[in-house]
Amino acid sequence: TSGFDLDAHTPVADGHCGVGAGITRRWDEFAPAVTQFTTDVGAIGECR
């Protein structure tokens, strides 16, 4: 198993809103030779 996560976010509109995003790239070996490759992306925005 190996991989990385990267998440980031930043305020906008004088801090009343924020946007964020993230990505995962991961190679899993749950047991010997039992494998899976995963790509996970997400984006989120919020205004208060």
All heavy atoms as atom14 arrays in JSON, in Angstrom:
{
  "sequence": "TSGFDLDAHTPVADGHCGVGAGITRRWDEFAPAVTQFTTDVGAIGECR",
  "atom14_mask": [
    [1, 1, 1, 1, 1, 1, 1, 0, 0, 0, 0, 0, 0, 0],
    [1, 1, 1, 1, 1, 1, 0, 0, 0, 0, 0, 0, 0, 0],
    [1, 1, 1, 1, 0, 0, 0, 0, 0, 0, 0, 0, 0, 0],
    [1, 1, 1, 1, 1, 1, 1, 1, 1, 1, 1, 0, 0, 0],
    [1, 1, 1, 1, 1, 1, 1, 1, 0, 0, 0, 0, 0, 0],
    [1, 1, 1, 1, 1, 1, 1, 1, 0, 0, 0, 0, 0, 0],
    [1, 1, 1, 1, 1, 1, 1, 1, 0, 0, 0, 0, 0, 0],
    [1, 1, 1, 1, 1, 0, 0, 0, 0, 0, 0, 0, 0, 0],
    [1, 1, 1, 1, 1, 1, 1, 1, 1, 1, 0, 0, 0, 0],
    [1, 1, 1, 1, 1, 1, 1, 0, 0, 0, 0, 0, 0, 0],
    [1, 1, 1, 1, 1, 1, 1, 0, 0, 0, 0, 0, 0, 0],
    [1, 1, 1, 1, 1, 1, 1, 0, 0, 0, 0, 0, 0, 0],
    [1, 1, 1, 1, 1, 0, 0, 0, 0, 0, 0, 0, 0, 0],
    [1, 1, 1, 1, 1, 1, 1, 1, 0, 0, 0, 0, 0, 0],
    [1, 1, 1, 1, 0, 0, 0, 0, 0, 0, 0, 0, 0, 0],
    [1, 1, 1, 1, 1, 1, 1, 1, 1, 1, 0, 0, 0, 0],
    [1, 1, 1, 1, 1, 1, 0, 0, 0, 0, 0, 0, 0, 0],
    [1, 1, 1, 1, 0, 0, 0, 0, 0, 0, 0, 0, 0, 0],
    [1, 1, 1, 1, 1, 1, 1, 0, 0, 0, 0, 0, 0, 0],
    [1, 1, 1, 1, 0, 0, 0, 0, 0, 0, 0, 0, 0, 0],
    [1, 1, 1, 1, 1, 0, 0, 0, 0, 0, 0, 0, 0, 0],
    [1, 1, 1, 1, 0, 0, 0, 0, 0, 0, 0, 0, 0, 0],
    [1, 1, 1, 1, 1, 1, 1, 1, 0, 0, 0, 0, 0, 0],
    [1, 1, 1, 1, 1, 1, 1, 0, 0, 0, 0, 0, 0, 0],
    [1, 1, 1, 1, 1, 1, 1, 1, 1, 1, 1, 0, 0, 0],
    [1, 1, 1, 1, 1, 1, 1, 1, 1, 1, 1, 0, 0, 0],
    [1, 1, 1, 1, 1, 1, 1, 1, 1, 1, 1, 1, 1, 1],
    [1, 1, 1, 1, 1, 1, 1, 1, 0, 0, 0, 0, 0, 0],
    [1, 1, 1, 1, 1, 1, 1, 1, 1, 0, 0, 0, 0, 0],
    [1, 1, 1, 1, 1, 1, 1, 1, 1, 1, 1, 0, 0, 0],
    [1, 1, 1, 1, 1, 0, 0, 0, 0, 0, 0, 0, 0, 0],
    [1, 1, 1, 1, 1, 1, 1, 0, 0, 0, 0, 0, 0, 0],
    [1, 1, 1, 1, 1, 0, 0, 0, 0, 0, 0, 0, 0, 0],
    [1, 1, 1, 1, 1, 1, 1, 0, 0, 0, 0, 0, 0, 0],
    [1, 1, 1, 1, 1, 1, 1, 0, 0, 0, 0, 0, 0, 0],
    [1, 1, 1, 1, 1, 1, 1, 1, 1, 0, 0, 0, 0, 0],
    [1, 1, 1, 1, 1, 1, 1, 1, 1, 1, 1, 0, 0, 0],
    [1, 1, 1, 1, 1, 1, 1, 0, 0, 0, 0, 0, 0, 0],
    [1, 1, 1, 1, 1, 1, 1, 0, 0, 0, 0, 0, 0, 0],
    [1, 1, 1, 1, 1, 1, 1, 1, 0, 0, 0, 0, 0, 0],
    [1, 1, 1, 1, 1, 1, 1, 0, 0, 0, 0, 0, 0, 0],
    [1, 1, 1, 1, 0, 0, 0, 0, 0, 0, 0, 0, 0, 0],
    [1, 1, 1, 1, 1, 0, 0, 0, 0, 0, 0, 0, 0, 0],
    [1, 1, 1, 1, 1, 1, 1, 1, 0, 0, 0, 0, 0, 0],
    [1, 1, 1, 1, 0, 0, 0, 0, 0, 0, 0, 0, 0, 0],
    [1, 1, 1, 1, 1, 1, 1, 1, 1, 0, 0, 0, 0, 0],
    [1, 1, 1, 1, 1, 1, 0, 0, 0, 0, 0, 0, 0, 0],
    [1, 1, 1, 1, 1, 1, 1, 1, 1, 1, 1, 0, 0, 0]
  ],
  "atom14_positions": [
    [[0.83, -1.21, 0.0], [0.0, 0.0, 0.0], [0.87, 1.26, 0.0], [1.84, 1.35, 0.74], [-0.93, 0.01, 1.22], [-1.9, -1.02, 1.08], [-1.65, 1.34, 1.35], [0.0, 0.0, 0.0], [0.0, 0.0, 0.0], [0.0, 0.0, 0.0], [0.0, 0.0, 0.0], [0.0, 0.0, 0.0], [0.0, 0.0, 0.0], [0.0, 0.0, 0.0]],
    [[0.49, 2.25, -0.83], [1.17, 3.54, -0.85], [0.23, 4.57, -1.44], [-0.71, 4.23, -2.17], [2.47, 3.47, -1.67], [2.17, 3.14, -3.02], [0.0, 0.0, 0.0], [0.0, 0.0, 0.0], [0.0, 0.0, 0.0], [0.0, 0.0, 0.0], [0.0, 0.0, 0.0], [0.0, 0.0, 0.0], [0.0, 0.0, 0.0], [0.0, 0.0, 0.0]],
    [[0.46, 5.84, -1.12], [-0.39, 6.88, -1.68], [-0.23, 8.2, -0.96], [0.62, 8.35, -0.08], [0.0, 0.0, 0.0], [0.0, 0.0, 0.0], [0.0, 0.0, 0.0], [0.0, 0.0, 0.0], [0.0, 0.0, 0.0], [0.0, 0.0, 0.0], [0.0, 0.0, 0.0], [0.0, 0.0, 0.0], [0.0, 0.0, 0.0], [0.0, 0.0, 0.0]],
    [[-1.06, 9.17, -1.35], [-1.02, 10.47, -0.7], [-2.41, 11.1, -0.75], [-3.24, 10.8, -1.61], [0.0, 11.39, -1.39], [-0.43, 11.89, -2.74], [-1.17, 13.06, -2.88], [-0.09, 11.19, -3.89], [-1.57, 13.52, -4.12], [-0.49, 11.63, -5.14], [-1.24, 12.81, -5.26], [0.0, 0.0, 0.0], [0.0, 0.0, 0.0], [0.0, 0.0, 0.0]],
    [[-2.65, 12.01, 0.23], [-3.82, 12.88, 0.24], [-3.31, 14.31, 0.19], [-2.26, 14.64, 0.76], [-4.64, 12.73, 1.53], [-5.15, 11.31, 1.74], [-5.32, 10.6, 0.74], [-5.36, 10.94, 2.91], [0.0, 0.0, 0.0], [0.0, 0.0, 0.0], [0.0, 0.0, 0.0], [0.0, 0.0, 0.0], [0.0, 0.0, 0.0], [0.0, 0.0, 0.0]],
    [[-4.07, 15.19, -0.47], [-3.75, 16.61, -0.48], [-5.05, 17.39, -0.4], [-5.9, 17.29, -1.29], [-2.98, 16.99, -1.74], [-2.58, 18.48, -1.85], [-1.66, 18.87, -0.71], [-1.93, 18.76, -3.2], [0.0, 0.0, 0.0], [0.0, 0.0, 0.0], [0.0, 0.0, 0.0], [0.0, 0.0, 0.0], [0.0, 0.0, 0.0], [0.0, 0.0, 0.0]],
    [[-5.22, 18.15, 0.69], [-6.4, 18.97, 0.89], [-5.98, 20.43, 1.03], [-4.93, 20.72, 1.62], [-7.16, 18.55, 2.16], [-7.76, 17.16, 2.02], [-8.67, 17.0, 1.19], [-7.32, 16.24, 2.74], [0.0, 0.0, 0.0], [0.0, 0.0, 0.0], [0.0, 0.0, 0.0], [0.0, 0.0, 0.0], [0.0, 0.0, 0.0], [0.0, 0.0, 0.0]],
    [[-6.83, 21.34, 0.49], [-6.54, 22.77, 0.61], [-7.86, 23.53, 0.65], [-8.87, 23.09, 0.09], [-5.7, 23.24, -0.57], [0.0, 0.0, 0.0], [0.0, 0.0, 0.0], [0.0, 0.0, 0.0], [0.0, 0.0, 0.0], [0.0, 0.0, 0.0], [0.0, 0.0, 0.0], [0.0, 0.0, 0.0], [0.0, 0.0, 0.0], [0.0, 0.0, 0.0]],
    [[-7.86, 24.68, 1.34], [-9.03, 25.55, 1.36], [-8.58, 26.98, 1.57], [-7.49, 27.25, 2.11], [-10.01, 25.12, 2.46], [-9.49, 25.27, 3.85], [-8.76, 24.29, 4.48], [-9.56, 26.31, 4.73], [-8.42, 24.69, 5.68], [-8.89, 25.91, 5.87], [0.0, 0.0, 0.0], [0.0, 0.0, 0.0], [0.0, 0.0, 0.0], [0.0, 0.0, 0.0]],
    [[-9.44, 27.91, 1.13], [-9.1, 29.32, 1.25], [-10.37, 30.13, 1.42], [-11.42, 29.78, 0.87], [-8.33, 29.81, 0.01], [-7.93, 31.17, 0.2], [-9.19, 29.72, -1.24], [0.0, 0.0, 0.0], [0.0, 0.0, 0.0], [0.0, 0.0, 0.0], [0.0, 0.0, 0.0], [0.0, 0.0, 0.0], [0.0, 0.0, 0.0], [0.0, 0.0, 0.0]],
    [[-10.33, 31.21, 2.21], [-11.51, 32.07, 2.36], [-11.69, 32.97, 1.15], [-10.72, 33.34, 0.47], [-11.18, 32.88, 3.61], [-9.69, 32.91, 3.67], [-9.21, 31.62, 3.07], [0.0, 0.0, 0.0], [0.0, 0.0, 0.0], [0.0, 0.0, 0.0], [0.0, 0.0, 0.0], [0.0, 0.0, 0.0], [0.0, 0.0, 0.0], [0.0, 0.0, 0.0]],
    [[-12.93, 33.34, 0.87], [-13.26, 34.31, -0.17], [-14.37, 35.21, 0.38], [-14.98, 34.91, 1.42], [-13.72, 33.63, -1.47], [-12.58, 32.83, -2.1], [-14.91, 32.72, -1.23], [0.0, 0.0, 0.0], [0.0, 0.0, 0.0], [0.0, 0.0, 0.0], [0.0, 0.0, 0.0], [0.0, 0.0, 0.0], [0.0, 0.0, 0.0], [0.0, 0.0, 0.0]],
    [[-14.64, 36.31, -0.33], [-15.69, 37.25, 0.06], [-15.51, 37.73, 1.5], [-16.42, 37.64, 2.33], [-17.08, 36.64, -0.13], [0.0, 0.0, 0.0], [0.0, 0.0, 0.0], [0.0, 0.0, 0.0], [0.0, 0.0, 0.0], [0.0, 0.0, 0.0], [0.0, 0.0, 0.0], [0.0, 0.0, 0.0], [0.0, 0.0, 0.0], [0.0, 0.0, 0.0]],
    [[-14.29, 38.22, 1.79], [-13.98, 38.77, 3.12], [-14.22, 37.76, 4.24], [-14.6, 38.11, 5.36], [-14.8, 40.02, 3.39], [-14.45, 41.16, 2.45], [-13.26, 41.25, 2.06], [-15.35, 41.94, 2.1], [0.0, 0.0, 0.0], [0.0, 0.0, 0.0], [0.0, 0.0, 0.0], [0.0, 0.0, 0.0], [0.0, 0.0, 0.0], [0.0, 0.0, 0.0]],
    [[-14.01, 36.49, 3.94], [-14.13, 35.45, 4.96], [-15.53, 34.94, 5.18], [-15.72, 34.01, 5.97], [0.0, 0.0, 0.0], [0.0, 0.0, 0.0], [0.0, 0.0, 0.0], [0.0, 0.0, 0.0], [0.0, 0.0, 0.0], [0.0, 0.0, 0.0], [0.0, 0.0, 0.0], [0.0, 0.0, 0.0], [0.0, 0.0, 0.0], [0.0, 0.0, 0.0]],
    [[-16.53, 35.52, 4.51], [-17.89, 35.01, 4.66], [-18.09, 33.68, 3.91], [-19.02, 32.93, 4.22], [-18.91, 36.03, 4.16], [-18.92, 37.3, 4.96], [-19.38, 37.36, 6.25], [-18.49, 38.56, 4.65], [-19.26, 38.59, 6.71], [-18.73, 39.34, 5.76], [0.0, 0.0, 0.0], [0.0, 0.0, 0.0], [0.0, 0.0, 0.0], [0.0, 0.0, 0.0]],
    [[-17.25, 33.42, 2.94], [-17.34, 32.18, 2.15], [-15.97, 31.51, 2.13], [-14.94, 32.11, 2.46], [-17.79, 32.47, 0.72], [-19.39, 33.3, 0.58], [0.0, 0.0, 0.0], [0.0, 0.0, 0.0], [0.0, 0.0, 0.0], [0.0, 0.0, 0.0], [0.0, 0.0, 0.0], [0.0, 0.0, 0.0], [0.0, 0.0, 0.0], [0.0, 0.0, 0.0]],
    [[-15.99, 30.25, 1.75], [-14.75, 29.5, 1.62], [-14.9, 28.42, 0.56], [-16.01, 27.91, 0.33], [0.0, 0.0, 0.0], [0.0, 0.0, 0.0], [0.0, 0.0, 0.0], [0.0, 0.0, 0.0], [0.0, 0.0, 0.0], [0.0, 0.0, 0.0], [0.0, 0.0, 0.0], [0.0, 0.0, 0.0], [0.0, 0.0, 0.0], [0.0, 0.0, 0.0]],
    [[-13.8, 28.1, -0.1], [-13.79, 27.01, -1.08], [-12.65, 26.07, -0.73], [-11.59, 26.5, -0.23], [-13.64, 27.53, -2.52], [-14.87, 28.31, -2.95], [-12.38, 28.38, -2.67], [0.0, 0.0, 0.0], [0.0, 0.0, 0.0], [0.0, 0.0, 0.0], [0.0, 0.0, 0.0], [0.0, 0.0, 0.0], [0.0, 0.0, 0.0], [0.0, 0.0, 0.0]],
    [[-12.87, 24.79, -0.95], [-11.84, 23.81, -0.66], [-11.88, 22.68, -1.67], [-12.89, 22.46, -2.36], [0.0, 0.0, 0.0], [0.0, 0.0, 0.0], [0.0, 0.0, 0.0], [0.0, 0.0, 0.0], [0.0, 0.0, 0.0], [0.0, 0.0, 0.0], [0.0, 0.0, 0.0], [0.0, 0.0, 0.0], [0.0, 0.0, 0.0], [0.0, 0.0, 0.0]],
    [[-10.78, 21.97, -1.77], [-10.68, 20.84, -2.7], [-9.65, 19.86, -2.17], [-8.8, 20.21, -1.33], [-10.31, 21.31, -4.11], [0.0, 0.0, 0.0], [0.0, 0.0, 0.0], [0.0, 0.0, 0.0], [0.0, 0.0, 0.0], [0.0, 0.0, 0.0], [0.0, 0.0, 0.0], [0.0, 0.0, 0.0], [0.0, 0.0, 0.0], [0.0, 0.0, 0.0]],
    [[-9.73, 18.64, -2.65], [-8.77, 17.62, -2.22], [-8.65, 16.53, -3.25], [-9.53, 16.34, -4.11], [0.0, 0.0, 0.0], [0.0, 0.0, 0.0], [0.0, 0.0, 0.0], [0.0, 0.0, 0.0], [0.0, 0.0, 0.0], [0.0, 0.0, 0.0], [0.0, 0.0, 0.0], [0.0, 0.0, 0.0], [0.0, 0.0, 0.0], [0.0, 0.0, 0.0]],
    [[-7.53, 15.78, -3.18], [-7.3, 14.67, -4.08], [-6.59, 13.56, -3.32], [-5.76, 13.82, -2.44], [-6.47, 15.1, -5.31], [-6.29, 13.92, -6.27], [-5.12, 15.68, -4.89], [-5.64, 14.29, -7.58], [0.0, 0.0, 0.0], [0.0, 0.0, 0.0], [0.0, 0.0, 0.0], [0.0, 0.0, 0.0], [0.0, 0.0, 0.0], [0.0, 0.0, 0.0]],
    [[-6.94, 12.32, -3.63], [-6.26, 11.14, -3.11], [-5.82, 10.29, -4.3], [-6.59, 10.06, -5.24], [-7.19, 10.3, -2.23], [-7.45, 10.98, -1.01], [-6.56, 8.94, -1.88], [0.0, 0.0, 0.0], [0.0, 0.0, 0.0], [0.0, 0.0, 0.0], [0.0, 0.0, 0.0], [0.0, 0.0, 0.0], [0.0, 0.0, 0.0], [0.0, 0.0, 0.0]],
    [[-4.58, 9.83, -4.24], [-4.08, 8.82, -5.19], [-3.5, 7.7, -4.33], [-2.56, 7.92, -3.57], [-3.03, 9.4, -6.12], [-3.54, 10.52, -7.0], [-4.2, 10.01, -8.26], [-3.21, 9.53, -9.21], [-3.51, 9.0, -10.4], [-4.78, 8.86, -10.73], [-2.57, 8.61, -11.21], [0.0, 0.0, 0.0], [0.0, 0.0, 0.0], [0.0, 0.0, 0.0]],
    [[-4.07, 6.52, -4.46], [-3.71, 5.46, -3.51], [-3.7, 4.1, -4.19], [-4.62, 3.75, -4.92], [-4.71, 5.47, -2.35], [-4.48, 4.41, -1.29], [-5.38, 4.67, -0.11], [-5.24, 3.67, 0.93], [-5.29, 3.9, 2.21], [-5.45, 5.13, 2.65], [-5.18, 2.94, 3.1], [0.0, 0.0, 0.0], [0.0, 0.0, 0.0], [0.0, 0.0, 0.0]],
    [[-2.63, 3.35, -3.91], [-2.53, 1.95, -4.34], [-2.63, 1.09, -3.09], [-1.79, 1.16, -2.21], [-1.21, 1.69, -5.06], [-1.01, 0.23, -5.4], [-0.26, -0.67, -4.71], [-1.58, -0.48, -6.49], [-0.32, -1.91, -5.31], [-1.13, -1.83, -6.41], [-2.44, -0.14, -7.54], [-1.5, -2.81, -7.34], [-2.8, -1.12, -8.46], [-2.34, -2.42, -8.35]],
    [[-3.7, 0.29, -3.0], [-3.94, -0.55, -1.83], [-3.62, -2.0, -2.14], [-3.95, -2.52, -3.2], [-5.41, -0.46, -1.39], [-5.69, 0.81, -0.58], [-4.98, 1.03, 0.39], [-6.63, 1.53, -0.95], [0.0, 0.0, 0.0], [0.0, 0.0, 0.0], [0.0, 0.0, 0.0], [0.0, 0.0, 0.0], [0.0, 0.0, 0.0], [0.0, 0.0, 0.0]],
    [[-2.97, -2.62, -1.18], [-2.81, -4.08, -1.2], [-3.35, -4.58, 0.14], [-2.67, -4.57, 1.15], [-1.35, -4.48, -1.39], [-1.2, -5.98, -1.64], [0.21, -6.35, -2.09], [1.11, -5.49, -2.05], [0.41, -7.52, -2.48], [0.0, 0.0, 0.0], [0.0, 0.0, 0.0], [0.0, 0.0, 0.0], [0.0, 0.0, 0.0], [0.0, 0.0, 0.0]],
    [[-4.63, -5.0, 0.14], [-5.31, -5.37, 1.38], [-4.77, -6.68, 1.95], [-4.78, -6.9, 3.15], [-6.8, -5.49, 1.11], [-7.41, -4.24, 0.52], [-7.82, -4.2, -0.79], [-7.53, -3.09, 1.29], [-8.36, -3.06, -1.33], [-8.07, -1.94, 0.76], [-8.49, -1.92, -0.56], [0.0, 0.0, 0.0], [0.0, 0.0, 0.0], [0.0, 0.0, 0.0]],
    [[-4.35, -7.57, 1.08], [-3.67, -8.82, 1.42], [-2.73, -9.09, 0.26], [-2.83, -8.44, -0.78], [-4.68, -9.96, 1.59], [0.0, 0.0, 0.0], [0.0, 0.0, 0.0], [0.0, 0.0, 0.0], [0.0, 0.0, 0.0], [0.0, 0.0, 0.0], [0.0, 0.0, 0.0], [0.0, 0.0, 0.0], [0.0, 0.0, 0.0], [0.0, 0.0, 0.0]],
    [[-1.76, -10.01, 0.41], [-0.83, -10.25, -0.69], [-1.56, -10.51, -2.01], [-2.42, -11.38, -2.11], [-0.06, -11.48, -0.22], [-0.08, -11.39, 1.26], [-1.43, -10.82, 1.6], [0.0, 0.0, 0.0], [0.0, 0.0, 0.0], [0.0, 0.0, 0.0], [0.0, 0.0, 0.0], [0.0, 0.0, 0.0], [0.0, 0.0, 0.0], [0.0, 0.0, 0.0]],
    [[-1.26, -9.67, -3.02], [-1.81, -9.78, -4.37], [-3.29, -9.42, -4.46], [-3.91, -9.62, -5.5], [-1.57, -11.16, -4.96], [0.0, 0.0, 0.0], [0.0, 0.0, 0.0], [0.0, 0.0, 0.0], [0.0, 0.0, 0.0], [0.0, 0.0, 0.0], [0.0, 0.0, 0.0], [0.0, 0.0, 0.0], [0.0, 0.0, 0.0], [0.0, 0.0, 0.0]],
    [[-3.87, -8.9, -3.4], [-5.27, -8.42, -3.43], [-5.19, -6.89, -3.46], [-4.99, -6.25, -2.43], [-6.06, -8.92, -2.2], [-7.5, -8.42, -2.25], [-6.03, -10.43, -2.13], [0.0, 0.0, 0.0], [0.0, 0.0, 0.0], [0.0, 0.0, 0.0], [0.0, 0.0, 0.0], [0.0, 0.0, 0.0], [0.0, 0.0, 0.0], [0.0, 0.0, 0.0]],
    [[-5.35, -6.33, -4.66], [-4.98, -4.93, -4.87], [-6.15, -4.11, -5.42], [-7.15, -4.63, -5.91], [-3.8, -4.84, -5.86], [-4.18, -5.48, -7.09], [-2.58, -5.53, -5.29], [0.0, 0.0, 0.0], [0.0, 0.0, 0.0], [0.0, 0.0, 0.0], [0.0, 0.0, 0.0], [0.0, 0.0, 0.0], [0.0, 0.0, 0.0], [0.0, 0.0, 0.0]],
    [[-5.94, -2.77, -5.36], [-6.91, -1.82, -5.89], [-6.25, -0.46, -6.0], [-5.51, -0.05, -5.11], [-8.13, -1.73, -4.96], [-9.13, -0.62, -5.32], [-10.3, -0.61, -4.35], [-11.06, -1.55, -4.26], [-10.42, 0.49, -3.61], [0.0, 0.0, 0.0], [0.0, 0.0, 0.0], [0.0, 0.0, 0.0], [0.0, 0.0, 0.0], [0.0, 0.0, 0.0]],
    [[-6.53, 0.25, -7.09], [-6.01, 1.61, -7.28], [-7.17, 2.58, -7.15], [-8.21, 2.39, -7.78], [-5.34, 1.75, -8.64], [-4.63, 3.06, -8.83], [-3.41, 3.27, -8.22], [-5.19, 4.07, -9.59], [-2.75, 4.49, -8.37], [-4.54, 5.28, -9.74], [-3.32, 5.49, -9.14], [0.0, 0.0, 0.0], [0.0, 0.0, 0.0], [0.0, 0.0, 0.0]],
    [[-7.02, 3.63, -6.32], [-8.1, 4.56, -6.03], [-7.67, 5.99, -6.33], [-6.59, 6.42, -5.94], [-8.52, 4.47, -4.54], [-8.94, 3.15, -4.25], [-9.66, 5.44, -4.24], [0.0, 0.0, 0.0], [0.0, 0.0, 0.0], [0.0, 0.0, 0.0], [0.0, 0.0, 0.0], [0.0, 0.0, 0.0], [0.0, 0.0, 0.0], [0.0, 0.0, 0.0]],
    [[-8.55, 6.71, -7.04], [-8.4, 8.15, -7.23], [-9.66, 8.81, -6.68], [-10.77, 8.48, -7.1], [-8.24, 8.51, -8.71], [-7.09, 7.84, -9.24], [-8.06, 10.01, -8.88], [0.0, 0.0, 0.0], [0.0, 0.0, 0.0], [0.0, 0.0, 0.0], [0.0, 0.0, 0.0], [0.0, 0.0, 0.0], [0.0, 0.0, 0.0], [0.0, 0.0, 0.0]],
    [[-9.47, 9.73, -5.75], [-10.59, 10.36, -5.04], [-10.41, 11.87, -5.12], [-9.38, 12.4, -4.7], [-10.59, 9.89, -3.58], [-11.82, 10.33, -2.81], [-12.52, 11.23, -3.29], [-12.06, 9.79, -1.73], [0.0, 0.0, 0.0], [0.0, 0.0, 0.0], [0.0, 0.0, 0.0], [0.0, 0.0, 0.0], [0.0, 0.0, 0.0], [0.0, 0.0, 0.0]],
    [[-11.4, 12.57, -5.71], [-11.33, 14.03, -5.78], [-12.62, 14.61, -5.22], [-13.69, 13.99, -5.29], [-11.12, 14.52, -7.23], [-9.78, 14.06, -7.76], [-12.25, 14.06, -8.14], [0.0, 0.0, 0.0], [0.0, 0.0, 0.0], [0.0, 0.0, 0.0], [0.0, 0.0, 0.0], [0.0, 0.0, 0.0], [0.0, 0.0, 0.0], [0.0, 0.0, 0.0]],
    [[-12.52, 15.8, -4.63], [-13.69, 16.45, -4.07], [-13.51, 17.95, -4.03], [-12.38, 18.44, -3.93], [0.0, 0.0, 0.0], [0.0, 0.0, 0.0], [0.0, 0.0, 0.0], [0.0, 0.0, 0.0], [0.0, 0.0, 0.0], [0.0, 0.0, 0.0], [0.0, 0.0, 0.0], [0.0, 0.0, 0.0], [0.0, 0.0, 0.0], [0.0, 0.0, 0.0]],
    [[-14.62, 18.67, -4.13], [-14.61, 20.12, -4.03], [-15.83, 20.56, -3.25], [-16.91, 19.97, -3.39], [-14.59, 20.77, -5.4], [0.0, 0.0, 0.0], [0.0, 0.0, 0.0], [0.0, 0.0, 0.0], [0.0, 0.0, 0.0], [0.0, 0.0, 0.0], [0.0, 0.0, 0.0], [0.0, 0.0, 0.0], [0.0, 0.0, 0.0], [0.0, 0.0, 0.0]],
    [[-15.68, 21.58, -2.41], [-16.78, 22.04, -1.57], [-16.69, 23.55, -1.41], [-15.59, 24.12, -1.34], [-16.74, 21.34, -0.19], [-18.01, 21.65, 0.61], [-15.49, 21.71, 0.59], [-18.18, 20.75, 1.82], [0.0, 0.0, 0.0], [0.0, 0.0, 0.0], [0.0, 0.0, 0.0], [0.0, 0.0, 0.0], [0.0, 0.0, 0.0], [0.0, 0.0, 0.0]],
    [[-17.85, 24.19, -1.41], [-17.92, 25.63, -1.18], [-19.01, 25.93, -0.16], [-20.05, 25.28, -0.15], [0.0, 0.0, 0.0], [0.0, 0.0, 0.0], [0.0, 0.0, 0.0], [0.0, 0.0, 0.0], [0.0, 0.0, 0.0], [0.0, 0.0, 0.0], [0.0, 0.0, 0.0], [0.0, 0.0, 0.0], [0.0, 0.0, 0.0], [0.0, 0.0, 0.0]],
    [[-18.77, 26.9, 0.7], [-19.72, 27.24, 1.76], [-19.72, 28.75, 1.97], [-18.67, 29.39, 1.99], [-19.35, 26.53, 3.06], [-20.32, 26.82, 4.21], [-19.96, 26.07, 5.48], [-19.02, 25.23, 5.43], [-20.58, 26.33, 6.52], [0.0, 0.0, 0.0], [0.0, 0.0, 0.0], [0.0, 0.0, 0.0], [0.0, 0.0, 0.0], [0.0, 0.0, 0.0]],
    [[-20.94, 29.31, 2.11], [-21.1, 30.72, 2.45], [-21.94, 30.83, 3.71], [-23.01, 30.2, 3.81], [-21.77, 31.49, 1.31], [-20.68, 31.84, -0.08], [0.0, 0.0, 0.0], [0.0, 0.0, 0.0], [0.0, 0.0, 0.0], [0.0, 0.0, 0.0], [0.0, 0.0, 0.0], [0.0, 0.0, 0.0], [0.0, 0.0, 0.0], [0.0, 0.0, 0.0]],
    [[-21.46, 31.61, 4.65], [-22.16, 31.82, 5.92], [-22.83, 33.19, 5.87], [-22.18, 34.23, 5.9], [-21.16, 31.75, 7.06], [-21.74, 31.92, 8.44], [-22.59, 30.77, 8.87], [-21.86, 29.5, 8.92], [-22.41, 28.37, 9.32], [-23.68, 28.35, 9.69], [-21.71, 27.25, 9.33], [0.0, 0.0, 0.0], [0.0, 0.0, 0.0], [0.0, 0.0, 0.0]]
  ]
}
